PDB file of N, CA and C in Angstrom:
ATOM      1  N   MET A   1     148.301 238.648 201.795  1.00  0.00           N
ATOM      2  CA  MET A   1     149.694 238.073 201.648  1.00  0.00           C
ATOM      3  C   MET A   1     150.115 237.942 203.098  1.00  0.00           C
ATOM      4  N   ALA A   2     150.370 236.712 203.414  1.00  0.00           N
ATOM      5  CA  ALA A   2     150.923 236.384 204.740  1.00  0.00           C
ATOM      6  C   ALA A   2     152.349 236.185 204.782  1.00  0.00           C
ATOM      7  N   THR A   3     153.068 236.439 205.798  1.00  0.00           N
ATOM      8  CA  THR A   3     154.571 236.145 205.957  1.00  0.00           C
ATOM      9  C   THR A   3     154.802 235.741 207.331  1.00  0.00           C
ATOM     10  N   THR A   4     155.914 235.134 207.594  1.00  0.00           N
ATOM     11  CA  THR A   4     156.217 234.570 208.898  1.00  0.00           C
ATOM     12  C   THR A   4     157.192 235.379 209.739  1.00  0.00           C
ATOM     13  N   VAL A   5     157.007 235.698 210.910  1.00  0.00           N
ATOM     14  CA  VAL A   5     157.939 236.433 211.751  1.00  0.00           C
ATOM     15  C   VAL A   5     158.997 235.490 212.272  1.00  0.00           C
ATOM     16  N   THR A   6     160.289 235.868 212.189  1.00  0.00           N
ATOM     17  CA  THR A   6     161.400 235.049 212.715  1.00  0.00           C
ATOM     18  C   THR A   6     161.504 235.167 214.223  1.00  0.00           C
ATOM     19  N   SER A   7     162.410 234.422 214.829  1.00  0.00           N
ATOM     20  CA  SER A   7     162.584 234.472 216.274  1.00  0.00           C
ATOM     21  C   SER A   7     163.204 235.865 216.635  1.00  0.00           C
ATOM     22  N   LYS A   8     163.876 236.503 215.619  1.00  0.00           N
ATOM     23  CA  LYS A   8     164.392 237.820 215.808  1.00  0.00           C
ATOM     24  C   LYS A   8     163.515 238.975 215.604  1.00  0.00           C
ATOM     25  N   GLY A   9     162.143 238.596 215.260  1.00  0.00           N
ATOM     26  CA  GLY A   9     161.197 239.668 214.839  1.00  0.00           C
ATOM     27  C   GLY A   9     161.292 240.186 213.566  1.00  0.00           C
ATOM     28  N   GLN A  10     161.967 239.500 212.632  1.00  0.00           N
ATOM     29  CA  GLN A  10     162.115 239.921 211.296  1.00  0.00           C
ATOM     30  C   GLN A  10     161.024 239.290 210.407  1.00  0.00           C
ATOM     31  N   VAL A  11     160.632 240.025 209.292  1.00  0.00           N
ATOM     32  CA  VAL A  11     159.829 239.464 208.327  1.00  0.00           C
ATOM     33  C   VAL A  11     160.390 239.787 206.917  1.00  0.00           C
ATOM     34  N   THR A  12     159.955 239.012 205.896  1.00  0.00           N
ATOM     35  CA  THR A  12     160.320 239.333 204.573  1.00  0.00           C
ATOM     36  C   THR A  12     159.120 240.050 203.988  1.00  0.00           C
ATOM     37  N   ILE A  13     159.418 241.213 203.414  1.00  0.00           N
ATOM     38  CA  ILE A  13     158.303 241.983 202.678  1.00  0.00           C
ATOM     39  C   ILE A  13     158.128 241.341 201.380  1.00  0.00           C
ATOM     40  N   PRO A  14     156.826 240.913 201.057  1.00  0.00           N
ATOM     41  CA  PRO A  14     156.638 240.231 199.811  1.00  0.00           C
ATOM     42  C   PRO A  14     157.111 241.111 198.614  1.00  0.00           C
ATOM     43  N   LYS A  15     157.572 240.422 197.603  1.00  0.00           N
ATOM     44  CA  LYS A  15     158.076 241.055 196.412  1.00  0.00           C
ATOM     45  C   LYS A  15     157.113 242.083 195.776  1.00  0.00           C
ATOM     46  N   PRO A  16     155.749 241.748 195.608  1.00  0.00           N
ATOM     47  CA  PRO A  16     154.824 242.677 195.044  1.00  0.00           C
ATOM     48  C   PRO A  16     154.726 243.988 195.878  1.00  0.00           C
ATOM     49  N   VAL A  17     154.864 243.902 197.180  1.00  0.00           N
ATOM     50  CA  VAL A  17     154.778 245.051 198.093  1.00  0.00           C
ATOM     51  C   VAL A  17     156.074 245.883 197.854  1.00  0.00           C
ATOM     52  N   ARG A  18     157.220 245.217 197.932  1.00  0.00           N
ATOM     53  CA  ARG A  18     158.501 245.918 197.686  1.00  0.00           C
ATOM     54  C   ARG A  18     158.509 246.721 196.402  1.00  0.00           C
ATOM     55  N   GLU A  19     158.026 246.031 195.362  1.00  0.00           N
ATOM     56  CA  GLU A  19     157.924 246.666 193.997  1.00  0.00           C
ATOM     57  C   GLU A  19     157.077 247.859 193.967  1.00  0.00           C
ATOM     58  N   HIS A  20     155.863 247.697 194.583  1.00  0.00           N
ATOM     59  CA  HIS A  20     154.871 248.759 194.728  1.00  0.00           C
ATOM     60  C   HIS A  20     155.404 250.070 195.401  1.00  0.00           C
ATOM     61  N   LEU A  21     156.071 249.799 196.490  1.00  0.00           N
ATOM     62  CA  LEU A  21     156.672 250.951 197.347  1.00  0.00           C
ATOM     63  C   LEU A  21     157.952 251.387 196.882  1.00  0.00           C
ATOM     64  N   GLY A  22     158.635 250.575 195.977  1.00  0.00           N
ATOM     65  CA  GLY A  22     159.886 251.004 195.517  1.00  0.00           C
ATOM     66  C   GLY A  22     161.046 250.808 196.427  1.00  0.00           C
ATOM     67  N   ILE A  23     160.842 249.675 197.210  1.00  0.00           N
ATOM     68  CA  ILE A  23     161.787 249.327 198.289  1.00  0.00           C
ATOM     69  C   ILE A  23     162.843 248.474 197.662  1.00  0.00           C
ATOM     70  N   THR A  24     164.069 248.869 197.887  1.00  0.00           N
ATOM     71  CA  THR A  24     165.170 248.173 197.339  1.00  0.00           C
ATOM     72  C   THR A  24     166.203 247.756 198.463  1.00  0.00           C
ATOM     73  N   PRO A  25     167.157 246.936 198.340  1.00  0.00           N
ATOM     74  CA  PRO A  25     168.060 246.612 199.404  1.00  0.00           C
ATOM     75  C   PRO A  25     168.723 248.050 199.939  1.00  0.00           C
ATOM     76  N   GLY A  26     168.638 248.158 201.186  1.00  0.00           N
ATOM     77  CA  GLY A  26     169.207 249.391 201.896  1.00  0.00           C
ATOM     78  C   GLY A  26     168.200 250.430 202.090  1.00  0.00           C
ATOM     79  N   SER A  27     167.024 250.237 201.476  1.00  0.00           N
ATOM     80  CA  SER A  27     165.921 251.265 201.769  1.00  0.00           C
ATOM     81  C   SER A  27     165.406 251.228 203.257  1.00  0.00           C
ATOM     82  N   GLN A  28     164.988 252.384 203.681  1.00  0.00           N
ATOM     83  CA  GLN A  28     164.463 252.337 205.054  1.00  0.00           C
ATOM     84  C   GLN A  28     162.948 252.443 204.929  1.00  0.00           C
ATOM     85  N   VAL A  29     162.225 251.701 205.932  1.00  0.00           N
ATOM     86  CA  VAL A  29     160.873 251.700 205.874  1.00  0.00           C
ATOM     87  C   VAL A  29     160.380 252.291 207.104  1.00  0.00           C
ATOM     88  N   GLU A  30     159.148 252.752 207.145  1.00  0.00           N
ATOM     89  CA  GLU A  30     158.496 253.376 208.277  1.00  0.00           C
ATOM     90  C   GLU A  30     157.206 252.734 208.603  1.00  0.00           C
ATOM     91  N   PHE A  31     156.975 252.387 209.875  1.00  0.00           N
ATOM     92  CA  PHE A  31     155.674 251.844 210.318  1.00  0.00           C
ATOM     93  C   PHE A  31     154.906 252.886 211.051  1.00  0.00           C
ATOM     94  N   ARG A  32     153.609 253.048 210.768  1.00  0.00           N
ATOM     95  CA  ARG A  32     152.811 254.052 211.485  1.00  0.00           C
ATOM     96  C   ARG A  32     151.354 253.433 211.750  1.00  0.00           C
ATOM     97  N   ARG A  33     150.761 253.872 212.747  1.00  0.00           N
ATOM     98  CA  ARG A  33     149.412 253.524 212.984  1.00  0.00           C
ATOM     99  C   ARG A  33     148.424 254.488 212.348  1.00  0.00           C
ATOM    100  N   ALA A  34     147.559 253.903 211.541  1.00  0.00           N
ATOM    101  CA  ALA A  34     146.585 254.748 210.917  1.00  0.00           C
ATOM    102  C   ALA A  34     145.362 255.035 211.899  1.00  0.00           C
ATOM    103  N   ALA A  35     144.595 255.966 211.478  1.00  0.00           N
ATOM    104  CA  ALA A  35     143.462 256.355 212.369  1.00  0.00           C
ATOM    105  C   ALA A  35     142.551 255.288 212.688  1.00  0.00           C
ATOM    106  N   ASP A  36     142.376 254.283 211.813  1.00  0.00           N
ATOM    107  CA  ASP A  36     141.554 253.150 212.160  1.00  0.00           C
ATOM    108  C   ASP A  36     142.226 252.094 212.944  1.00  0.00           C
ATOM    109  N   GLY A  37     143.452 252.319 213.377  1.00  0.00           N
ATOM    110  CA  GLY A  37     144.214 251.293 214.259  1.00  0.00           C
ATOM    111  C   GLY A  37     145.051 250.340 213.426  1.00  0.00           C
ATOM    112  N   SER A  38     144.940 250.365 212.118  1.00  0.00           N
ATOM    113  CA  SER A  38     145.709 249.471 211.334  1.00  0.00           C
ATOM    114  C   SER A  38     147.243 249.997 211.208  1.00  0.00           C
ATOM    115  N   ILE A  39     148.123 249.165 210.901  1.00  0.00           N
ATOM    116  CA  ILE A  39     149.461 249.536 210.761  1.00  0.00           C
ATOM    117  C   ILE A  39     149.796 249.652 209.280  1.00  0.00           C
ATOM    118  N   VAL A  40     150.499 250.820 208.895  1.00  0.00           N
ATOM    119  CA  VAL A  40     150.779 251.100 207.584  1.00  0.00           C
ATOM    120  C   VAL A  40     152.373 251.036 207.349  1.00  0.00           C
ATOM    121  N   ILE A  41     152.800 250.436 206.357  1.00  0.00           N
ATOM    122  CA  ILE A  41     154.268 250.454 206.054  1.00  0.00           C
ATOM    123  C   ILE A  41     154.541 251.429 204.837  1.00  0.00           C
ATOM    124  N   GLU A  42     155.489 252.223 204.968  1.00  0.00           N
ATOM    125  CA  GLU A  42     155.846 253.190 203.832  1.00  0.00           C
ATOM    126  C   GLU A  42     157.389 253.240 203.730  1.00  0.00           C
ATOM    127  N   LYS A  43     157.811 253.594 202.512  1.00  0.00           N
ATOM    128  CA  LYS A  43     159.139 253.908 202.287  1.00  0.00           C
ATOM    129  C   LYS A  43     159.468 255.125 202.988  1.00  0.00           C
ATOM    130  N   ALA A  44     160.584 255.158 203.816  1.00  0.00           N
ATOM    131  CA  ALA A  44     160.837 256.206 204.789  1.00  0.00           C
ATOM    132  C   ALA A  44     161.567 257.478 204.100  1.00  0.00           C
ATOM    133  N   ASP A  45     161.742 257.590 202.866  1.00  0.00           N
ATOM    134  CA  ASP A  45     162.467 258.683 202.272  1.00  0.00           C
ATOM    135  C   ASP A  45     161.445 259.787 201.814  1.00  0.00           C
ATOM    136  N   GLY A  46     160.244 259.720 202.295  1.00  0.00           N
ATOM    137  CA  GLY A  46     159.299 260.794 201.948  1.00  0.00           C
ATOM    138  C   GLY A  46     158.639 260.747 200.577  1.00  0.00           C
ATOM    139  N   THR A  47     158.837 259.633 199.874  1.00  0.00           N
ATOM    140  CA  THR A  47     158.295 259.558 198.573  1.00  0.00           C
ATOM    141  C   THR A  47     156.919 258.973 198.374  1.00  0.00           C
ATOM    142  N   ARG A  48     156.239 258.888 199.517  1.00  0.00           N
ATOM    143  CA  ARG A  48     154.822 258.282 199.492  1.00  0.00           C
ATOM    144  C   ARG A  48     153.928 259.240 198.705  1.00  0.00           C
ATOM    145  N   GLN A  49     152.875 258.655 198.195  1.00  0.00           N
ATOM    146  CA  GLN A  49     151.902 259.467 197.467  1.00  0.00           C
ATOM    147  C   GLN A  49     151.262 260.423 198.318  1.00  0.00           C
ATOM    148  N   PRO A  50     150.966 261.669 197.779  1.00  0.00           N
ATOM    149  CA  PRO A  50     150.225 262.701 198.712  1.00  0.00           C
ATOM    150  C   PRO A  50     148.807 262.118 198.807  1.00  0.00           C
ATOM    151  N   SER A  51     148.257 262.539 200.011  1.00  0.00           N
ATOM    152  CA  SER A  51     146.928 262.166 200.291  1.00  0.00           C
ATOM    153  C   SER A  51     145.912 262.845 199.285  1.00  0.00           C
ATOM    154  N   ARG A  52     144.713 262.286 199.313  1.00  0.00           N
ATOM    155  CA  ARG A  52     143.722 262.985 198.413  1.00  0.00           C
ATOM    156  C   ARG A  52     143.471 264.429 198.865  1.00  0.00           C
ATOM    157  N   PHE A  53     143.685 264.697 200.097  1.00  0.00           N
ATOM    158  CA  PHE A  53     143.437 266.026 200.544  1.00  0.00           C
ATOM    159  C   PHE A  53     144.648 266.903 200.242  1.00  0.00           C
ATOM    160  N   ALA A  54     145.820 266.435 200.350  1.00  0.00           N
ATOM    161  CA  ALA A  54     147.054 267.253 199.956  1.00  0.00           C
ATOM    162  C   ALA A  54     146.975 267.640 198.545  1.00  0.00           C
ATOM    163  N   LYS A  55     146.457 266.827 197.759  1.00  0.00           N
ATOM    164  CA  LYS A  55     146.404 267.168 196.328  1.00  0.00           C
ATOM    165  C   LYS A  55     145.398 268.418 196.049  1.00  0.00           C
ATOM    166  N   LEU A  56     144.479 268.630 196.959  1.00  0.00           N
ATOM    167  CA  LEU A  56     143.538 269.772 196.837  1.00  0.00           C
ATOM    168  C   LEU A  56     144.061 271.053 197.465  1.00  0.00           C
ATOM    169  N   LEU A  57     145.085 271.031 198.226  1.00  0.00           N
ATOM    170  CA  LEU A  57     145.635 272.026 199.020  1.00  0.00           C
ATOM    171  C   LEU A  57     145.914 273.286 197.989  1.00  0.00           C
ATOM    172  N   GLY A  58     145.314 274.445 198.281  1.00  0.00           N
ATOM    173  CA  GLY A  58     145.663 275.624 197.537  1.00  0.00           C
ATOM    174  C   GLY A  58     144.938 275.805 196.184  1.00  0.00           C
ATOM    175  N   ILE A  59     144.072 274.935 195.783  1.00  0.00           N
ATOM    176  CA  ILE A  59     143.479 275.066 194.466  1.00  0.00           C
ATOM    177  C   ILE A  59     142.315 276.099 194.499  1.00  0.00           C
ATOM    178  N   ALA A  60     141.713 276.444 195.707  1.00  0.00           N
ATOM    179  CA  ALA A  60     140.585 277.308 195.814  1.00  0.00           C
ATOM    180  C   ALA A  60     140.995 278.770 195.698  1.00  0.00           C
ATOM    181  N   GLY A  61     142.275 279.112 195.779  1.00  0.00           N
ATOM    182  CA  GLY A  61     142.649 280.475 195.812  1.00  0.00           C
ATOM    183  C   GLY A  61     142.843 281.029 197.305  1.00  0.00           C
ATOM    184  N   PRO A  62     143.219 282.256 197.519  1.00  0.00           N
ATOM    185  CA  PRO A  62     143.475 282.800 198.771  1.00  0.00           C
ATOM    186  C   PRO A  62     142.219 283.003 199.664  1.00  0.00           C
ATOM    187  N   GLY A  63     141.142 283.209 199.052  1.00  0.00           N
ATOM    188  CA  GLY A  63     139.888 283.477 199.771  1.00  0.00           C
ATOM    189  C   GLY A  63     139.775 284.867 200.444  1.00  0.00           C
ATOM    190  N   PRO A  64     138.769 285.135 201.190  1.00  0.00           N
ATOM    191  CA  PRO A  64     138.710 286.449 201.811  1.00  0.00           C
ATOM    192  C   PRO A  64     139.664 286.575 203.104  1.00  0.00           C
ATOM    193  N   SER A  65     139.963 287.874 203.349  1.00  0.00           N
ATOM    194  CA  SER A  65     140.769 288.018 204.597  1.00  0.00           C
ATOM    195  C   SER A  65     139.888 287.918 205.803  1.00  0.00           C
ATOM    196  N   THR A  66     140.508 287.972 206.977  1.00  0.00           N
ATOM    197  CA  THR A  66     139.765 287.815 208.202  1.00  0.00           C
ATOM    198  C   THR A  66     138.873 289.094 208.370  1.00  0.00           C
ATOM    199  N   ASP A  67     139.405 290.284 208.115  1.00  0.00           N
ATOM    200  CA  ASP A  67     138.585 291.474 208.108  1.00  0.00           C
ATOM    201  C   ASP A  67     137.363 291.404 207.172  1.00  0.00           C
ATOM    202  N   GLU A  68     137.555 290.908 205.964  1.00  0.00           N
ATOM    203  CA  GLU A  68     136.403 290.690 205.088  1.00  0.00           C
ATOM    204  C   GLU A  68     135.385 289.743 205.577  1.00  0.00           C
ATOM    205  N   ILE A  69     135.791 288.739 206.084  1.00  0.00           N
ATOM    206  CA  ILE A  69     134.876 287.731 206.781  1.00  0.00           C
ATOM    207  C   ILE A  69     134.171 288.296 207.903  1.00  0.00           C
ATOM    208  N   MET A  70     134.786 289.082 208.809  1.00  0.00           N
ATOM    209  CA  MET A  70     134.120 289.797 209.913  1.00  0.00           C
ATOM    210  C   MET A  70     133.187 290.814 209.426  1.00  0.00           C
ATOM    211  N   ALA A  71     133.461 291.530 208.385  1.00  0.00           N
ATOM    212  CA  ALA A  71     132.532 292.455 207.794  1.00  0.00           C
ATOM    213  C   ALA A  71     131.230 291.837 207.291  1.00  0.00           C
ATOM    214  N   ILE A  72     131.462 290.711 206.657  1.00  0.00           N
ATOM    215  CA  ILE A  72     130.309 289.892 206.069  1.00  0.00           C
ATOM    216  C   ILE A  72     129.367 289.488 207.219  1.00  0.00           C
ATOM    217  N   THR A  73     129.967 288.886 208.205  1.00  0.00           N
ATOM    218  CA  THR A  73     129.262 288.234 209.313  1.00  0.00           C
ATOM    219  C   THR A  73     128.605 289.297 210.121  1.00  0.00           C
ATOM    220  N   ARG A  74     129.194 290.474 210.325  1.00  0.00           N
ATOM    221  CA  ARG A  74     128.505 291.514 211.053  1.00  0.00           C
ATOM    222  C   ARG A  74     127.531 292.372 210.189  1.00  0.00           C
ATOM    223  N   GLY A  75     127.527 292.142 208.916  1.00  0.00           N
ATOM    224  CA  GLY A  75     126.596 292.896 208.036  1.00  0.00           C
ATOM    225  C   GLY A  75     127.059 294.276 207.705  1.00  0.00           C
ATOM    226  N   ASP A  76     128.379 294.590 207.789  1.00  0.00           N
ATOM    227  CA  ASP A  76     128.887 295.893 207.508  1.00  0.00           C
ATOM    228  C   ASP A  76     128.915 296.137 206.054  1.00  0.00           C
TER     229      ASP A  76
END
């Protein structure tokens, strides 16, 4: 999807993108650089989808304590 930049540096966000992100008049958007150098636009109110890693956070349980790990590695 291509769009044109005005002399003021403004662009129109295409309707399918606005609908997908839930952007309505008055919404704030955020631009950020991704790890691969591309630019990502997101709705700025924090409603973006959690990453695939964030979805896994905490599902494995607490795990062993530091003391337990040290005992295992030392062979105690």
